[in-house]
Amino acid sequence: MAEEAGRESEPGREKVLAALMGALAVALPQAFHLVGLGSLFLPMHLPVALAGFVVRPGLAASVGVLAPVLSTLITGMPPVPLVPVMAAELATLGAVASLLARKLRLPVWVALPGAIAARMVVTALLITVAGRWLGLPPKMTAAGWIAGGAPGILLQLVAVPLALRLLRERGVR
């Protein structure tokens, strides 16, 4: 009976974790922007990547899609033309991290770089194909977008495994 109750509460627990990661994905960039480190460190990516390791792929993708949309509505950032690109790249990051870590059971040191690489491919395709349609400036190339996020990628590779370790020590998968 206790085992059944644990299974029933699992979807609710995952939804709470997804909501928490979504809230962090909206709030964390504001903290980074306050100290002038906004987009350089890709702060919205951190909670979305983390979501990939603690919730199912669909929920992780939802966090990725909703975070930039809600952030734009609440804070005005990211600017509207970038929202579709960020929604797609963050959905990819969360979903692929979850698929690799939770479904394929790959370790974080494999799953996280794999998810980041998948995100970069999606971003490169979107920027290349839809850049003109979205009204992005010509200097906003796929290579520039990805290279500009290098410090954020390094931060993800360090911070996400550390955060996962802390969460697991406290009983959150």
C-alpha atoms as a PDB file:
ATOM      1  CA  MET A   1       0.000   0.000   0.000  1.00  0.00           C
ATOM      2  CA  ALA A   2       2.776   2.469   0.891  1.00  0.00           C
ATOM      3  CA  GLU A   3       4.476   1.474  -2.351  1.00  0.00           C
ATOM      4  CA  GLU A   4       1.308   2.350  -4.303  1.00  0.00           C
ATOM      5  CA  ALA A   5       1.052   5.728  -2.561  1.00  0.00           C
ATOM      6  CA  GLY A   6       4.668   6.448  -3.505  1.00  0.00           C
ATOM      7  CA  ARG A   7       3.925   5.699  -7.157  1.00  0.00           C
ATOM      8  CA  GLU A   8       0.809   7.886  -7.126  1.00  0.00           C
ATOM      9  CA  SER A   9       2.696  10.866  -5.698  1.00  0.00           C
ATOM     10  CA  GLU A  10       5.526  10.563  -8.236  1.00  0.00           C
ATOM     11  CA  PRO A  11       3.762  12.513 -11.033  1.00  0.00           C
ATOM     12  CA  GLY A  12       2.858  15.235  -8.542  1.00  0.00           C
ATOM     13  CA  ARG A  13       6.419  15.357  -7.269  1.00  0.00           C
ATOM     14  CA  GLU A  14       7.756  15.655 -10.794  1.00  0.00           C
ATOM     15  CA  LYS A  15       5.343  18.483 -11.569  1.00  0.00           C
ATOM     16  CA  VAL A  16       6.476  20.342  -8.463  1.00  0.00           C
ATOM     17  CA  LEU A  17      10.133  19.860  -9.449  1.00  0.00           C
ATOM     18  CA  ALA A  18       9.366  21.026 -12.995  1.00  0.00           C
ATOM     19  CA  ALA A  19       7.575  24.115 -11.654  1.00  0.00           C
ATOM     20  CA  LEU A  20      10.496  24.856  -9.337  1.00  0.00           C
ATOM     21  CA  MET A  21      12.995  24.547 -12.196  1.00  0.00           C
ATOM     22  CA  GLY A  22      10.767  26.778 -14.343  1.00  0.00           C
ATOM     23  CA  ALA A  23      10.605  29.423 -11.628  1.00  0.00           C
ATOM     24  CA  LEU A  24      14.383  29.274 -11.250  1.00  0.00           C
ATOM     25  CA  ALA A  25      14.787  29.578 -15.019  1.00  0.00           C
ATOM     26  CA  VAL A  26      12.870  32.863 -14.891  1.00  0.00           C
ATOM     27  CA  ALA A  27      14.429  34.230 -11.680  1.00  0.00           C
ATOM     28  CA  LEU A  28      18.086  33.201 -12.073  1.00  0.00           C
ATOM     29  CA  PRO A  29      18.735  35.312 -15.197  1.00  0.00           C
ATOM     30  CA  GLN A  30      17.519  38.369 -13.307  1.00  0.00           C
ATOM     31  CA  ALA A  31      20.167  37.794 -10.635  1.00  0.00           C
ATOM     32  CA  PHE A  32      22.840  37.400 -13.325  1.00  0.00           C
ATOM     33  CA  HIS A  33      21.682  40.565 -15.117  1.00  0.00           C
ATOM     34  CA  LEU A  34      21.899  42.539 -11.865  1.00  0.00           C
ATOM     35  CA  VAL A  35      25.653  41.942 -11.786  1.00  0.00           C
ATOM     36  CA  GLY A  36      26.127  42.369 -15.542  1.00  0.00           C
ATOM     37  CA  LEU A  37      26.618  38.699 -16.390  1.00  0.00           C
ATOM     38  CA  GLY A  38      23.266  38.050 -18.102  1.00  0.00           C
ATOM     39  CA  SER A  39      23.517  36.175 -21.385  1.00  0.00           C
ATOM     40  CA  LEU A  40      27.243  35.485 -21.047  1.00  0.00           C
ATOM     41  CA  PHE A  41      26.632  32.622 -18.604  1.00  0.00           C
ATOM     42  CA  LEU A  42      23.322  31.328 -20.030  1.00  0.00           C
ATOM     43  CA  PRO A  43      21.634  31.359 -16.613  1.00  0.00           C
ATOM     44  CA  MET A  44      18.270  30.193 -17.945  1.00  0.00           C
ATOM     45  CA  HIS A  45      19.947  27.026 -19.208  1.00  0.00           C
ATOM     46  CA  LEU A  46      21.062  25.897 -15.742  1.00  0.00           C
ATOM     47  CA  PRO A  47      17.635  25.054 -14.242  1.00  0.00           C
ATOM     48  CA  VAL A  48      16.402  23.657 -17.564  1.00  0.00           C
ATOM     49  CA  ALA A  49      19.390  21.316 -17.803  1.00  0.00           C
ATOM     50  CA  LEU A  50      18.845  20.340 -14.180  1.00  0.00           C
ATOM     51  CA  ALA A  51      15.181  19.637 -14.939  1.00  0.00           C
ATOM     52  CA  GLY A  52      16.359  17.124 -17.513  1.00  0.00           C
ATOM     53  CA  PHE A  53      17.917  15.064 -14.760  1.00  0.00           C
ATOM     54  CA  VAL A  54      15.012  15.170 -12.290  1.00  0.00           C
ATOM     55  CA  VAL A  55      11.854  14.992 -14.433  1.00  0.00           C
ATOM     56  CA  ARG A  56      10.594  13.087 -17.477  1.00  0.00           C
ATOM     57  CA  PRO A  57      11.526  14.295 -20.971  1.00  0.00           C
ATOM     58  CA  GLY A  58       8.136  15.851 -21.697  1.00  0.00           C
ATOM     59  CA  LEU A  59       8.151  17.876 -18.496  1.00  0.00           C
ATOM     60  CA  ALA A  60      11.767  18.925 -19.025  1.00  0.00           C
ATOM     61  CA  ALA A  61      10.912  20.069 -22.556  1.00  0.00           C
ATOM     62  CA  SER A  62       7.916  21.981 -21.180  1.00  0.00           C
ATOM     63  CA  VAL A  63      10.164  23.800 -18.707  1.00  0.00           C
ATOM     64  CA  GLY A  64      12.439  24.687 -21.621  1.00  0.00           C
ATOM     65  CA  VAL A  65       9.610  26.034 -23.761  1.00  0.00           C
ATOM     66  CA  LEU A  66       7.820  27.926 -21.009  1.00  0.00           C
ATOM     67  CA  ALA A  67      10.840  29.545 -19.307  1.00  0.00           C
ATOM     68  CA  PRO A  68      11.715  32.061 -22.046  1.00  0.00           C
ATOM     69  CA  VAL A  69       8.052  32.758 -22.804  1.00  0.00           C
ATOM     70  CA  LEU A  70       7.206  33.468 -19.163  1.00  0.00           C
ATOM     71  CA  SER A  71      10.419  35.412 -18.665  1.00  0.00           C
ATOM     72  CA  THR A  72       9.585  37.650 -21.618  1.00  0.00           C
ATOM     73  CA  LEU A  73       6.066  38.232 -20.325  1.00  0.00           C
ATOM     74  CA  ILE A  74       7.273  38.973 -16.780  1.00  0.00           C
ATOM     75  CA  THR A  75      10.591  40.736 -17.331  1.00  0.00           C
ATOM     76  CA  GLY A  76      10.787  41.652 -21.016  1.00  0.00           C
ATOM     77  CA  MET A  77      13.846  39.412 -21.438  1.00  0.00           C
ATOM     78  CA  PRO A  78      14.733  37.695 -23.663  1.00  0.00           C
ATOM     79  CA  PRO A  79      13.554  40.064 -26.408  1.00  0.00           C
ATOM     80  CA  VAL A  80      10.592  38.777 -28.408  1.00  0.00           C
ATOM     81  CA  PRO A  81      12.489  37.840 -31.603  1.00  0.00           C
ATOM     82  CA  LEU A  82      14.731  35.491 -29.596  1.00  0.00           C
ATOM     83  CA  VAL A  83      11.961  33.690 -27.695  1.00  0.00           C
ATOM     84  CA  PRO A  84      11.231  31.015 -30.345  1.00  0.00           C
ATOM     85  CA  VAL A  85      14.928  30.190 -30.699  1.00  0.00           C
ATOM     86  CA  MET A  86      15.437  30.004 -26.945  1.00  0.00           C
ATOM     87  CA  ALA A  87      12.251  27.966 -26.459  1.00  0.00           C
ATOM     88  CA  ALA A  88      13.419  25.409 -29.025  1.00  0.00           C
ATOM     89  CA  GLU A  89      16.990  25.230 -27.737  1.00  0.00           C
ATOM     90  CA  LEU A  90      15.932  24.968 -24.082  1.00  0.00           C
ATOM     91  CA  ALA A  91      13.275  22.358 -24.858  1.00  0.00           C
ATOM     92  CA  THR A  92      15.966  20.350 -26.626  1.00  0.00           C
ATOM     93  CA  LEU A  93      18.389  20.742 -23.725  1.00  0.00           C
ATOM     94  CA  GLY A  94      15.874  19.565 -21.127  1.00  0.00           C
ATOM     95  CA  ALA A  95      14.351  16.746 -23.169  1.00  0.00           C
ATOM     96  CA  VAL A  96      17.652  15.310 -24.398  1.00  0.00           C
ATOM     97  CA  ALA A  97      19.222  15.485 -20.922  1.00  0.00           C
ATOM     98  CA  SER A  98      16.222  13.596 -19.566  1.00  0.00           C
ATOM     99  CA  LEU A  99      16.253  11.020 -22.357  1.00  0.00           C
ATOM    100  CA  LEU A 100      19.969  10.358 -21.968  1.00  0.00           C
ATOM    101  CA  ALA A 101      20.056  10.350 -18.171  1.00  0.00           C
ATOM    102  CA  ARG A 102      16.664   8.947 -17.164  1.00  0.00           C
ATOM    103  CA  LYS A 103      15.749   6.723 -20.100  1.00  0.00           C
ATOM    104  CA  LEU A 104      19.171   5.531 -21.277  1.00  0.00           C
ATOM    105  CA  ARG A 105      20.672   5.777 -17.776  1.00  0.00           C
ATOM    106  CA  LEU A 106      23.842   7.474 -18.991  1.00  0.00           C
ATOM    107  CA  PRO A 107      25.985   9.183 -16.350  1.00  0.00           C
ATOM    108  CA  VAL A 108      25.781  12.963 -16.026  1.00  0.00           C
ATOM    109  CA  TRP A 109      29.247  13.434 -17.507  1.00  0.00           C
ATOM    110  CA  VAL A 110      27.944  11.845 -20.749  1.00  0.00           C
ATOM    111  CA  ALA A 111      24.306  12.973 -20.715  1.00  0.00           C
ATOM    112  CA  LEU A 112      24.959  16.656 -20.042  1.00  0.00           C
ATOM    113  CA  PRO A 113      27.502  17.230 -22.854  1.00  0.00           C
ATOM    114  CA  GLY A 114      25.225  15.207 -25.159  1.00  0.00           C
ATOM    115  CA  ALA A 115      22.256  17.419 -24.311  1.00  0.00           C
ATOM    116  CA  ILE A 116      24.342  20.570 -24.749  1.00  0.00           C
ATOM    117  CA  ALA A 117      25.541  19.326 -28.150  1.00  0.00           C
ATOM    118  CA  ALA A 118      21.955  18.568 -29.236  1.00  0.00           C
ATOM    119  CA  ARG A 119      20.906  22.056 -28.090  1.00  0.00           C
ATOM    120  CA  MET A 120      23.728  23.605 -30.111  1.00  0.00           C
ATOM    121  CA  VAL A 121      22.690  21.712 -33.263  1.00  0.00           C
ATOM    122  CA  VAL A 122      19.087  22.893 -32.901  1.00  0.00           C
ATOM    123  CA  THR A 123      20.249  26.448 -32.239  1.00  0.00           C
ATOM    124  CA  ALA A 124      22.578  26.438 -35.252  1.00  0.00           C
ATOM    125  CA  LEU A 125      19.797  25.168 -37.514  1.00  0.00           C
ATOM    126  CA  LEU A 126      17.284  27.707 -36.252  1.00  0.00           C
ATOM    127  CA  ILE A 127      19.648  30.654 -36.446  1.00  0.00           C
ATOM    128  CA  THR A 128      20.798  29.654 -39.912  1.00  0.00           C
ATOM    129  CA  VAL A 129      17.363  28.891 -41.355  1.00  0.00           C
ATOM    130  CA  ALA A 130      15.123  31.336 -39.512  1.00  0.00           C
ATOM    131  CA  GLY A 131      17.477  34.188 -38.631  1.00  0.00           C
ATOM    132  CA  ARG A 132      16.239  36.457 -41.401  1.00  0.00           C
ATOM    133  CA  TRP A 133      12.603  35.586 -40.772  1.00  0.00           C
ATOM    134  CA  LEU A 134      12.960  36.422 -37.054  1.00  0.00           C
ATOM    135  CA  GLY A 135      14.598  39.728 -37.871  1.00  0.00           C
ATOM    136  CA  LEU A 136      17.888  38.905 -36.172  1.00  0.00           C
ATOM    137  CA  PRO A 137      20.836  41.123 -37.077  1.00  0.00           C
ATOM    138  CA  PRO A 138      23.250  39.634 -39.660  1.00  0.00           C
ATOM    139  CA  LYS A 139      26.036  39.444 -37.053  1.00  0.00           C
ATOM    140  CA  MET A 140      23.816  37.020 -35.111  1.00  0.00           C
ATOM    141  CA  THR A 141      25.178  33.894 -36.791  1.00  0.00           C
ATOM    142  CA  ALA A 142      24.959  30.366 -35.466  1.00  0.00           C
ATOM    143  CA  ALA A 143      28.702  30.293 -34.751  1.00  0.00           C
ATOM    144  CA  GLY A 144      28.523  33.637 -32.941  1.00  0.00           C
ATOM    145  CA  TRP A 145      25.515  32.575 -30.892  1.00  0.00           C
ATOM    146  CA  ILE A 146      27.152  29.316 -29.827  1.00  0.00           C
ATOM    147  CA  ALA A 147      30.619  30.806 -29.206  1.00  0.00           C
ATOM    148  CA  GLY A 148      29.075  33.602 -27.154  1.00  0.00           C
ATOM    149  CA  GLY A 149      27.641  30.977 -24.817  1.00  0.00           C
ATOM    150  CA  ALA A 150      30.960  29.208 -24.149  1.00  0.00           C
ATOM    151  CA  PRO A 151      31.285  30.550 -20.565  1.00  0.00           C
ATOM    152  CA  GLY A 152      27.716  29.382 -19.905  1.00  0.00           C
ATOM    153  CA  ILE A 153      28.473  25.922 -21.240  1.00  0.00           C
ATOM    154  CA  LEU A 154      31.466  25.669 -18.912  1.00  0.00           C
ATOM    155  CA  LEU A 155      29.285  26.816 -16.022  1.00  0.00           C
ATOM    156  CA  GLN A 156      26.692  24.163 -16.879  1.00  0.00           C
ATOM    157  CA  LEU A 157      29.322  21.428 -17.000  1.00  0.00           C
ATOM    158  CA  VAL A 158      30.403  22.346 -13.461  1.00  0.00           C
ATOM    159  CA  ALA A 159      27.210  23.580 -11.780  1.00  0.00           C
ATOM    160  CA  VAL A 160      24.681  20.998 -12.988  1.00  0.00           C
ATOM    161  CA  PRO A 161      26.591  17.934 -11.699  1.00  0.00           C
ATOM    162  CA  LEU A 162      27.210  19.727  -8.381  1.00  0.00           C
ATOM    163  CA  ALA A 163      23.542  20.677  -8.054  1.00  0.00           C
ATOM    164  CA  LEU A 164      22.508  17.102  -8.887  1.00  0.00           C
ATOM    165  CA  ARG A 165      24.831  15.781  -6.240  1.00  0.00           C
ATOM    166  CA  LEU A 166      23.303  18.128  -3.654  1.00  0.00           C
ATOM    167  CA  LEU A 167      19.786  17.174  -4.694  1.00  0.00           C
ATOM    168  CA  ARG A 168      20.554  13.456  -4.517  1.00  0.00           C
ATOM    169  CA  GLU A 169      22.155  13.845  -1.083  1.00  0.00           C
ATOM    170  CA  ARG A 170      18.865  15.402   0.034  1.00  0.00           C
ATOM    171  CA  GLY A 171      16.744  12.620  -1.437  1.00  0.00           C
ATOM    172  CA  VAL A 172      15.693  14.204  -4.740  1.00  0.00           C
ATOM    173  CA  ARG A 173      16.649  11.813  -7.511  1.00  0.00           C
END
